Protein backbone atom coordinates (compact mmCIF):
# COMPACT_ATOMS: atom_id res chain seq x y z
CA UNK A 1 -163.54 59.62 -172.77
CA UNK A 2 -162.34 57.40 -169.93
CA UNK A 3 -158.68 57.41 -168.94
CA UNK A 4 -156.41 55.17 -166.88
CA UNK A 5 -153.03 56.34 -165.65
CA UNK A 6 -150.27 53.82 -166.42
CA UNK A 7 -147.39 53.43 -163.99
CA UNK A 8 -144.16 51.47 -163.87
CA UNK A 9 -143.56 51.01 -160.17
CA UNK A 10 -144.43 54.47 -158.80
CA UNK A 11 -143.46 56.42 -161.92
CA UNK A 12 -146.19 57.72 -164.21
CA UNK A 13 -145.56 56.51 -167.77
CA UNK A 14 -148.62 57.57 -169.73
CA UNK A 15 -152.35 57.40 -170.25
CA UNK A 16 -154.57 54.58 -171.58
CA UNK A 17 -157.81 55.85 -173.14
CA UNK A 18 -161.07 54.13 -173.98
CA UNK A 19 -162.62 55.57 -177.15
CA UNK A 20 -163.72 53.92 -180.39
CA UNK A 21 -160.33 52.20 -180.24
CA UNK A 22 -157.98 51.85 -177.28
CA UNK A 23 -155.28 54.52 -177.22
CA UNK A 24 -152.07 55.06 -175.31
CA UNK A 25 -149.84 58.14 -175.06
CA UNK A 26 -146.55 58.41 -173.21
CA UNK A 27 -146.22 61.36 -170.83
CA UNK A 28 -143.71 64.01 -171.91
CA UNK A 29 -142.04 63.74 -168.50
CA UNK A 30 -141.45 60.00 -168.98
CA UNK A 31 -140.02 60.48 -172.46
CA UNK A 32 -137.64 63.15 -171.15
CA UNK A 33 -136.28 60.94 -168.36
CA UNK A 34 -132.88 59.30 -168.64
CA UNK A 35 -134.25 55.92 -167.52
CA UNK A 36 -137.31 55.87 -169.79
CA UNK A 37 -138.09 52.47 -171.30
CA UNK A 38 -140.94 51.37 -173.58
CA UNK A 39 -143.92 49.46 -172.23
CA UNK A 40 -143.56 47.11 -175.16
CA UNK A 41 -141.52 46.46 -178.27
CA UNK A 42 -144.79 47.27 -180.07
CA UNK A 43 -145.05 50.64 -178.24
CA UNK A 44 -141.67 52.34 -178.80
CA UNK A 45 -140.94 55.62 -177.05
CA UNK A 46 -142.47 58.49 -178.99
CA UNK A 47 -144.59 61.56 -178.42
CA UNK A 48 -147.40 60.61 -180.82
CA UNK A 49 -150.34 58.57 -179.55
CA UNK A 50 -150.74 54.87 -180.31
CA UNK A 51 -154.19 53.74 -181.36
CA UNK A 52 -155.67 50.32 -182.03
CA UNK A 53 -154.07 46.90 -182.26
CA UNK A 54 -150.66 47.55 -180.67
CA UNK A 55 -152.36 49.07 -177.62
CA UNK A 56 -154.98 46.34 -177.35
CA UNK A 57 -152.42 43.53 -177.66
CA UNK A 58 -150.18 44.76 -174.87
CA UNK A 59 -152.85 45.65 -172.34
CA UNK A 60 -155.04 42.61 -173.06
CA UNK A 61 -151.93 40.55 -172.40
CA UNK A 62 -152.01 41.66 -168.77
CA UNK A 63 -155.40 40.10 -168.10
CA UNK A 64 -156.59 36.62 -167.16
CA UNK A 65 -158.09 34.40 -169.84
CA UNK A 66 -160.86 31.84 -170.35
CA UNK A 67 -162.95 30.77 -167.34
CA UNK A 68 -161.21 32.98 -164.72
CA UNK A 69 -161.88 36.02 -166.92
CA UNK A 70 -165.54 35.05 -167.36
CA UNK A 71 -166.02 34.65 -163.60
CA UNK A 72 -164.26 37.94 -162.81
CA UNK A 73 -166.45 39.80 -165.33
CA UNK A 74 -169.59 38.31 -163.78
CA UNK A 75 -168.47 39.26 -160.24
CA UNK A 76 -167.62 42.82 -161.27
CA UNK A 77 -170.70 43.26 -163.46
CA UNK A 78 -168.76 44.12 -166.62
CA UNK A 79 -168.48 42.61 -170.09
CA UNK A 80 -165.82 39.90 -170.29
CA UNK A 81 -164.71 41.40 -173.65
CA UNK A 82 -164.12 44.87 -172.21
CA UNK A 83 -160.38 45.04 -171.52
CA UNK A 84 -160.49 48.65 -170.35
CA UNK A 85 -163.22 48.05 -167.76
CA UNK A 86 -161.41 45.01 -166.42
CA UNK A 87 -158.10 46.85 -166.16
CA UNK A 88 -159.91 49.67 -164.40
CA UNK A 89 -161.11 47.24 -161.74
CA UNK A 90 -158.22 44.77 -161.33
CA UNK A 91 -155.17 46.37 -163.01
CA UNK A 92 -153.38 47.52 -159.87
CA UNK A 93 -150.93 44.59 -159.57
CA UNK A 94 -150.02 42.95 -162.88
CA UNK A 95 -147.19 40.90 -164.34
CA UNK A 96 -144.01 42.96 -164.43
CA UNK A 97 -144.03 46.54 -163.18
CA UNK A 98 -147.26 47.80 -164.79
CA UNK A 99 -150.11 49.13 -162.72
CA UNK A 100 -153.13 51.09 -163.92
CA UNK A 101 -155.19 53.45 -161.80
CA UNK A 102 -158.25 55.60 -162.48
CA UNK A 103 -157.46 59.32 -162.62
CA UNK A 104 -159.21 59.97 -159.33
CA UNK A 105 -157.32 57.21 -157.47
CA UNK A 106 -154.04 58.39 -155.89
CA UNK A 107 -150.88 56.45 -156.62
CA UNK A 108 -149.67 54.65 -153.45
CA UNK A 109 -146.43 56.15 -152.13
CA UNK A 110 -143.15 54.37 -152.90
CA UNK A 111 -142.43 51.68 -150.35
CA UNK A 112 -146.13 51.14 -149.62
CA UNK A 113 -146.51 47.92 -147.60
CA UNK A 114 -150.19 47.67 -146.77
CA UNK A 115 -150.87 44.02 -146.11
CA UNK A 116 -153.65 41.80 -144.84
CA UNK A 117 -151.97 38.99 -142.94
CA UNK A 118 -153.78 35.64 -143.10
CA UNK A 119 -153.88 32.87 -140.54
CA UNK A 120 -154.05 29.26 -141.73
CA UNK A 121 -157.82 29.14 -141.64
CA UNK A 122 -158.25 32.39 -143.58
CA UNK A 123 -155.77 31.30 -146.24
CA UNK A 124 -157.44 27.90 -146.61
CA UNK A 125 -160.85 29.58 -147.01
CA UNK A 126 -159.51 31.91 -149.72
CA UNK A 127 -157.88 29.06 -151.64
CA UNK A 128 -161.14 27.10 -151.46
CA UNK A 129 -163.09 30.09 -152.75
CA UNK A 130 -160.61 31.05 -155.45
CA UNK A 131 -162.07 28.96 -158.33
CA UNK A 132 -165.39 30.77 -157.89
CA UNK A 133 -163.71 34.10 -157.19
CA UNK A 134 -160.48 34.30 -159.22
CA UNK A 135 -157.88 36.79 -158.00
CA UNK A 136 -160.29 37.62 -155.13
CA UNK A 137 -162.05 39.95 -157.58
CA UNK A 138 -164.21 42.53 -155.86
CA UNK A 139 -162.45 42.30 -152.49
CA UNK A 140 -161.87 45.73 -150.97
CA UNK A 141 -158.31 46.96 -151.47
CA UNK A 142 -157.39 44.22 -153.98
CA UNK A 143 -156.79 45.02 -157.66
CA UNK A 144 -154.87 41.98 -158.87
CA UNK A 145 -154.35 40.72 -162.42
CA UNK A 146 -152.30 37.86 -163.87
CA UNK A 147 -152.44 36.51 -167.41
CA UNK A 148 -153.36 32.93 -168.20
CA UNK A 149 -156.22 30.50 -167.79
CA UNK A 150 -155.12 28.90 -164.53
CA UNK A 151 -156.42 30.05 -161.14
CA UNK A 152 -153.69 32.02 -159.31
CA UNK A 153 -153.32 34.40 -156.39
CA UNK A 154 -150.51 36.97 -155.92
CA UNK A 155 -149.41 37.14 -152.27
CA UNK A 156 -146.63 38.40 -150.04
CA UNK A 157 -144.57 35.78 -148.19
CA UNK A 158 -142.46 36.75 -145.21
CA UNK A 159 -140.51 34.78 -142.60
CA UNK A 160 -140.87 35.58 -138.90
CA UNK A 161 -137.26 35.89 -137.74
CA UNK A 162 -137.61 34.37 -134.26
CA UNK A 163 -139.63 31.33 -135.37
CA UNK A 164 -138.79 30.93 -139.09
CA UNK A 165 -142.52 30.50 -139.69
CA UNK A 166 -143.66 31.50 -143.16
CA UNK A 167 -146.50 34.02 -143.09
CA UNK A 168 -148.81 34.87 -145.99
CA UNK A 169 -150.48 38.19 -146.72
CA UNK A 170 -152.70 39.74 -149.38
CA UNK A 171 -151.10 42.84 -150.95
CA UNK A 172 -153.45 45.81 -150.56
CA UNK A 173 -153.67 49.17 -152.30
CA UNK A 174 -150.85 48.63 -154.78
CA UNK A 175 -148.38 46.83 -152.53
CA UNK A 176 -146.16 44.59 -154.70
CA UNK A 177 -146.64 40.84 -154.26
CA UNK A 178 -143.62 38.57 -153.91
CA UNK A 179 -145.04 35.14 -154.76
CA UNK A 180 -147.85 33.45 -156.68
CA UNK A 181 -149.99 30.65 -155.29
CA UNK A 182 -151.40 28.27 -157.90
CA UNK A 183 -154.01 25.90 -156.42
CA UNK A 184 -154.28 22.51 -158.09
CA UNK A 185 -157.49 22.16 -160.17
CA UNK A 186 -159.46 19.05 -159.20
CA UNK A 187 -159.61 17.95 -162.84
CA UNK A 188 -155.79 17.77 -162.99
CA UNK A 189 -154.71 15.78 -159.91
CA UNK A 190 -150.97 15.91 -159.36
CA UNK A 191 -150.46 19.18 -161.29
CA UNK A 192 -148.74 21.01 -158.43
CA UNK A 193 -146.23 18.19 -157.89
CA UNK A 194 -145.78 17.82 -161.66
CA UNK A 195 -144.89 21.48 -162.16
CA UNK A 196 -142.67 21.61 -159.07
CA UNK A 197 -140.79 18.53 -160.30
CA UNK A 198 -140.31 19.97 -163.80
CA UNK A 199 -139.03 23.26 -162.37
CA UNK A 200 -136.68 21.40 -160.02
CA UNK A 201 -135.37 19.31 -162.91
CA UNK A 202 -134.74 22.44 -164.98
CA UNK A 203 -132.66 23.98 -162.21
CA UNK A 204 -130.84 20.70 -161.56
CA UNK A 205 -129.61 20.42 -165.17
CA UNK A 206 -128.37 24.00 -165.18
CA UNK A 207 -131.27 25.96 -166.67
CA UNK A 208 -132.49 29.26 -165.23
CA UNK A 209 -135.91 28.60 -163.71
CA UNK A 210 -138.24 30.34 -161.29
CA UNK A 211 -138.16 29.00 -157.74
CA UNK A 212 -141.18 26.83 -156.98
CA UNK A 213 -142.31 24.38 -154.32
CA UNK A 214 -145.47 22.59 -153.26
CA UNK A 215 -147.53 23.06 -150.15
CA UNK A 216 -150.96 21.86 -149.05
CA UNK A 217 -153.30 24.67 -148.01
CA UNK A 218 -156.39 23.34 -146.29
CA UNK A 219 -157.16 20.29 -148.43
CA UNK A 220 -155.74 21.74 -151.66
CA UNK A 221 -152.29 20.95 -153.07
CA UNK A 222 -150.74 24.21 -154.27
CA UNK A 223 -147.65 25.42 -156.07
CA UNK A 224 -145.94 28.52 -154.67
CA UNK A 225 -143.76 30.36 -157.16
CA UNK A 226 -141.32 33.13 -156.26
CA UNK A 227 -141.82 36.07 -158.63
CA UNK A 228 -138.75 36.69 -160.79
CA UNK A 229 -140.24 40.09 -161.76
CA UNK A 230 -139.58 41.46 -158.29
CA UNK A 231 -136.30 42.59 -156.75
CA UNK A 232 -135.26 44.14 -153.44
CA UNK A 233 -133.86 47.65 -153.26
CA UNK A 234 -130.78 48.34 -151.07
CA UNK A 235 -133.19 49.46 -148.36
CA UNK A 236 -135.19 46.21 -148.54
CA UNK A 237 -138.14 47.67 -150.49
CA UNK A 238 -139.78 45.25 -152.95
CA UNK A 239 -139.66 46.69 -156.47
CA UNK A 240 -141.55 45.53 -159.52
CA UNK A 241 -139.47 44.76 -162.63
CA UNK A 242 -141.06 45.34 -166.02
CA UNK A 243 -141.59 42.44 -168.40
CA UNK A 244 -143.61 41.47 -171.42
CA UNK A 245 -144.31 38.04 -172.82
CA UNK A 246 -143.37 37.00 -176.35
CA UNK A 247 -146.94 37.43 -177.61
CA UNK A 248 -146.99 41.02 -176.42
CA UNK A 249 -143.52 41.73 -177.85
CA UNK A 250 -144.44 40.20 -181.22
CA UNK A 251 -147.88 41.83 -181.44
CA UNK A 252 -150.12 38.79 -180.96
CA UNK A 253 -153.20 38.94 -178.70
CA UNK A 254 -153.72 36.24 -176.04
CA UNK A 255 -156.33 34.58 -178.25
CA UNK A 256 -153.58 33.77 -180.73
CA UNK A 257 -150.91 32.34 -178.43
CA UNK A 258 -150.89 28.98 -180.25
CA UNK A 259 -149.21 28.70 -183.63
CA UNK A 260 -151.96 26.51 -185.03
CA UNK A 261 -154.42 29.35 -184.31
CA UNK A 262 -152.31 31.95 -186.06
CA UNK A 263 -149.88 32.62 -183.24
CA UNK A 264 -146.09 33.00 -183.15
CA UNK A 265 -143.71 30.38 -184.50
CA UNK A 266 -140.36 29.41 -183.07
CA UNK A 267 -138.73 31.18 -186.02
CA UNK A 268 -140.44 34.42 -184.99
CA UNK A 269 -139.49 33.96 -181.33
CA UNK A 270 -135.81 33.43 -182.18
CA UNK A 271 -136.03 36.46 -184.46
CA UNK A 272 -137.46 38.51 -181.59
CA UNK A 273 -134.47 37.70 -179.38
CA UNK A 274 -132.02 38.36 -182.20
CA UNK A 275 -133.58 41.79 -182.79
CA UNK A 276 -134.59 42.88 -179.25
CA UNK A 277 -132.46 41.19 -176.60
CA UNK A 278 -129.53 43.07 -175.10
CA UNK A 279 -127.55 39.80 -175.17
CA UNK A 280 -129.00 37.86 -178.12
CA UNK A 281 -126.37 35.11 -178.18
CA UNK A 282 -127.03 34.18 -174.57
CA UNK A 283 -130.78 34.59 -174.74
CA UNK A 284 -131.15 32.59 -177.96
CA UNK A 285 -129.23 29.79 -176.23
CA UNK A 286 -131.48 29.99 -173.16
CA UNK A 287 -134.64 30.00 -175.25
CA UNK A 288 -133.39 27.03 -177.25
CA UNK A 289 -132.73 25.22 -173.97
CA UNK A 290 -136.34 26.01 -172.95
CA UNK A 291 -137.69 24.57 -176.21
CA UNK A 292 -135.60 21.42 -175.81
CA UNK A 293 -136.60 21.07 -172.15
CA UNK A 294 -140.33 21.38 -172.99
CA UNK A 295 -139.90 18.70 -175.64
CA UNK A 296 -138.10 16.31 -173.29
CA UNK A 297 -140.59 16.80 -170.44
CA UNK A 298 -143.59 16.25 -172.72
CA UNK A 299 -144.91 19.78 -172.41
CA UNK A 300 -147.25 20.57 -175.31
CA UNK A 301 -148.27 23.89 -173.77
CA UNK A 302 -145.00 25.82 -174.24
CA UNK A 303 -146.69 28.65 -176.14
CA UNK A 304 -145.43 32.19 -176.68
CA UNK A 305 -147.06 33.60 -173.54
CA UNK A 306 -145.01 31.14 -171.49
CA UNK A 307 -141.78 32.92 -172.46
CA UNK A 308 -141.05 36.54 -171.54
CA UNK A 309 -138.52 39.36 -171.70
CA UNK A 310 -137.44 41.16 -168.54
CA UNK A 311 -136.53 44.87 -168.64
CA UNK A 312 -134.01 45.24 -165.80
CA UNK A 313 -130.92 47.35 -165.15
CA UNK A 314 -131.20 49.01 -168.56
CA UNK A 315 -131.18 45.66 -170.39
CA UNK A 316 -133.70 43.40 -172.10
CA UNK A 317 -133.13 39.74 -171.26
CA UNK A 318 -135.15 36.53 -171.46
CA UNK A 319 -136.71 35.57 -168.13
CA UNK A 320 -136.11 32.34 -166.23
CA UNK A 321 -138.32 29.43 -167.24
CA UNK A 322 -141.79 29.26 -165.73
CA UNK A 323 -145.04 27.26 -166.19
CA UNK A 324 -143.15 24.07 -167.04
CA UNK A 325 -145.49 21.06 -166.89
CA UNK A 326 -145.44 17.55 -168.32
CA UNK A 327 -148.82 17.74 -170.05
CA UNK A 328 -148.47 14.14 -171.26
CA UNK A 329 -149.35 13.13 -167.71
CA UNK A 330 -152.99 13.65 -168.71
CA UNK A 331 -153.82 11.53 -171.79
CA UNK A 332 -156.93 13.63 -172.52
CA UNK A 333 -154.88 16.77 -173.17
CA UNK A 334 -153.76 17.70 -176.66
CA UNK A 335 -150.39 16.40 -177.77
CA UNK A 336 -150.09 19.07 -180.48
CA UNK A 337 -147.12 21.36 -180.05
CA UNK A 338 -147.90 24.98 -179.25
CA UNK A 339 -145.14 25.93 -181.67
CA UNK A 340 -143.94 23.49 -184.33
CA UNK A 341 -140.39 22.17 -184.24
CA UNK A 342 -139.46 21.99 -187.91
CA UNK A 343 -142.50 20.32 -189.47
CA UNK A 344 -143.26 18.28 -186.34
CA UNK A 345 -146.70 19.24 -185.08
CA UNK A 346 -147.00 16.85 -182.13
CA UNK A 347 -144.84 15.69 -179.22
CA UNK A 348 -144.79 12.13 -180.52
CA UNK A 349 -143.16 13.16 -183.82
CA UNK A 350 -140.22 15.23 -182.60
CA UNK A 351 -136.82 13.86 -183.60
CA UNK A 352 -133.33 15.29 -184.13
CA UNK A 353 -134.24 15.78 -187.77
CA UNK A 354 -136.99 18.20 -186.77
CA UNK A 355 -134.51 20.18 -184.66
CA UNK A 356 -132.22 20.28 -187.69
CA UNK A 357 -135.10 21.75 -189.70
CA UNK A 358 -135.59 24.29 -186.93
CA UNK A 359 -131.93 25.29 -187.12
CA UNK A 360 -132.42 26.22 -190.78
CA UNK A 361 -135.71 28.08 -190.25
CA UNK A 362 -134.46 30.02 -187.21
CA UNK A 363 -130.94 30.65 -188.57
CA UNK A 364 -129.26 28.66 -185.82
CA UNK A 365 -126.04 26.69 -186.02
CA UNK A 366 -126.93 23.01 -186.35
CA UNK A 367 -123.68 21.85 -184.68
CA UNK A 368 -124.47 24.14 -181.74
CA UNK A 369 -128.09 22.99 -181.56
CA UNK A 370 -127.08 19.34 -181.81
CA UNK A 371 -124.58 19.79 -178.98
CA UNK A 372 -127.20 21.48 -176.74
CA UNK A 373 -129.75 18.77 -177.51
CA UNK A 374 -127.32 15.95 -176.71
CA UNK A 375 -126.03 17.68 -173.58
CA UNK A 376 -129.51 18.41 -172.14
CA UNK A 377 -130.75 14.90 -172.93
CA UNK A 378 -127.80 13.34 -171.10
CA UNK A 379 -128.08 15.73 -168.13
CA UNK A 380 -131.79 14.96 -167.92
CA UNK A 381 -131.20 11.21 -167.90
CA UNK A 382 -128.46 11.52 -165.32
CA UNK A 383 -130.51 13.79 -163.06
CA UNK A 384 -133.60 11.54 -163.09
CA UNK A 385 -131.55 8.44 -162.41
CA UNK A 386 -129.80 10.11 -159.48
CA UNK A 387 -131.34 10.73 -156.10
CA UNK A 388 -130.95 14.51 -156.35
CA UNK A 389 -134.51 15.12 -157.54
CA UNK A 390 -137.29 13.64 -155.38
CA UNK A 391 -139.62 11.44 -157.41
CA UNK A 392 -142.65 13.53 -156.43
CA UNK A 393 -144.25 13.13 -159.86
CA UNK A 394 -143.61 9.56 -161.07
CA UNK A 395 -145.51 9.98 -164.35
CA UNK A 396 -143.62 13.13 -165.26
CA UNK A 397 -140.31 11.50 -164.31
CA UNK A 398 -140.96 8.33 -166.29
CA UNK A 399 -142.26 10.23 -169.31
CA UNK A 400 -139.27 12.58 -169.34
CA UNK A 401 -136.72 9.78 -168.86
CA UNK A 402 -138.22 7.80 -171.73
CA UNK A 403 -138.31 10.81 -174.02
CA UNK A 404 -134.72 11.86 -173.24
CA UNK A 405 -133.39 8.31 -173.73
CA UNK A 406 -135.30 8.02 -177.01
CA UNK A 407 -133.85 11.28 -178.27
CA UNK A 408 -130.34 10.12 -177.38
CA UNK A 409 -130.89 6.87 -179.28
CA UNK A 410 -132.07 8.81 -182.32
CA UNK A 411 -129.08 11.13 -182.05
CA UNK A 412 -126.86 8.03 -182.21
CA UNK A 413 -128.80 6.65 -185.19
CA UNK A 414 -130.59 4.00 -183.13
CA UNK A 415 -134.36 3.46 -182.88
């Protein structure tokens, strides 16, 4: 029976096994520790082994999806459906603090900073190659994994003090990355600017959002996102911070991240925060703001894997917003909502009445929800009309302004 050792940062947590069904067992030493935390809401701390679905859901949620997963499997010579084999090969640097190592591979020492610094030409070549070689799969010293269907690359960014020049490195042998580079796919021109604009807007109207900016690498527009699941120790060491997305926490595999395909609903997501968050009142408000923001910006892809819970400082709190994109900028993309708002199934339908239905389903105060909806609509309109946010994505800006103004009219009883 094959085994992978599971770590959070440099601490051994337990063992993942590959038998007839995937299994996971916490180490007795981890359970006895005063700072022990569960890998997942679906994998609570206990001495007995977990077998089957709960294990598969959490660990599959660490892996890439769709075309990147297919290409990685082909490069590594493994089955694209074999989660264990893929984690064995690329599970060294995942979302949050999780890393998985074969039994015979030593855990890198705490503070490990083995890096491969890249000059401009090397970085441009890697970005150009990335669609054919996602996550640089198969490269010596690299075991990188990020969930999702978009091409991404975890990197380390550092500033040279004398020159203020930003340098980029690949994290080797378990070194934590600090940022994620997301190259723009040719089939979605303007995506990097679109996402950067949406993230900037979110911050500008007072929402917690990951830091993101655009840069051109070689000939490719890219988005660079600062990882919110990393923090610096007092000595300057980069530490991973554990997280899990809403699908993992609710027990849904990545293949069921959309409600119309049997995935989580907004009611279930609000229930998760009410039951699991260390500060449910604040996190329910922040999640509601995220739902409203996705609606205003025309983002039909705000599914349950695009919201997560961060396990930091002994608390469980919703993460800052990430992956915010105006999908309406591409008419060929689906306009169906990833999670229904009331009985509204598409972006075009959503009205205040649907948010009122949501308030009943999710046990939210309608006066509170109405106030948040009105406030965020007005802040959005004001921010777009001001000069504080560069108009780097005109389609996203126009779409969002029109949708926010429409919602305000409907709130006032006007068409």
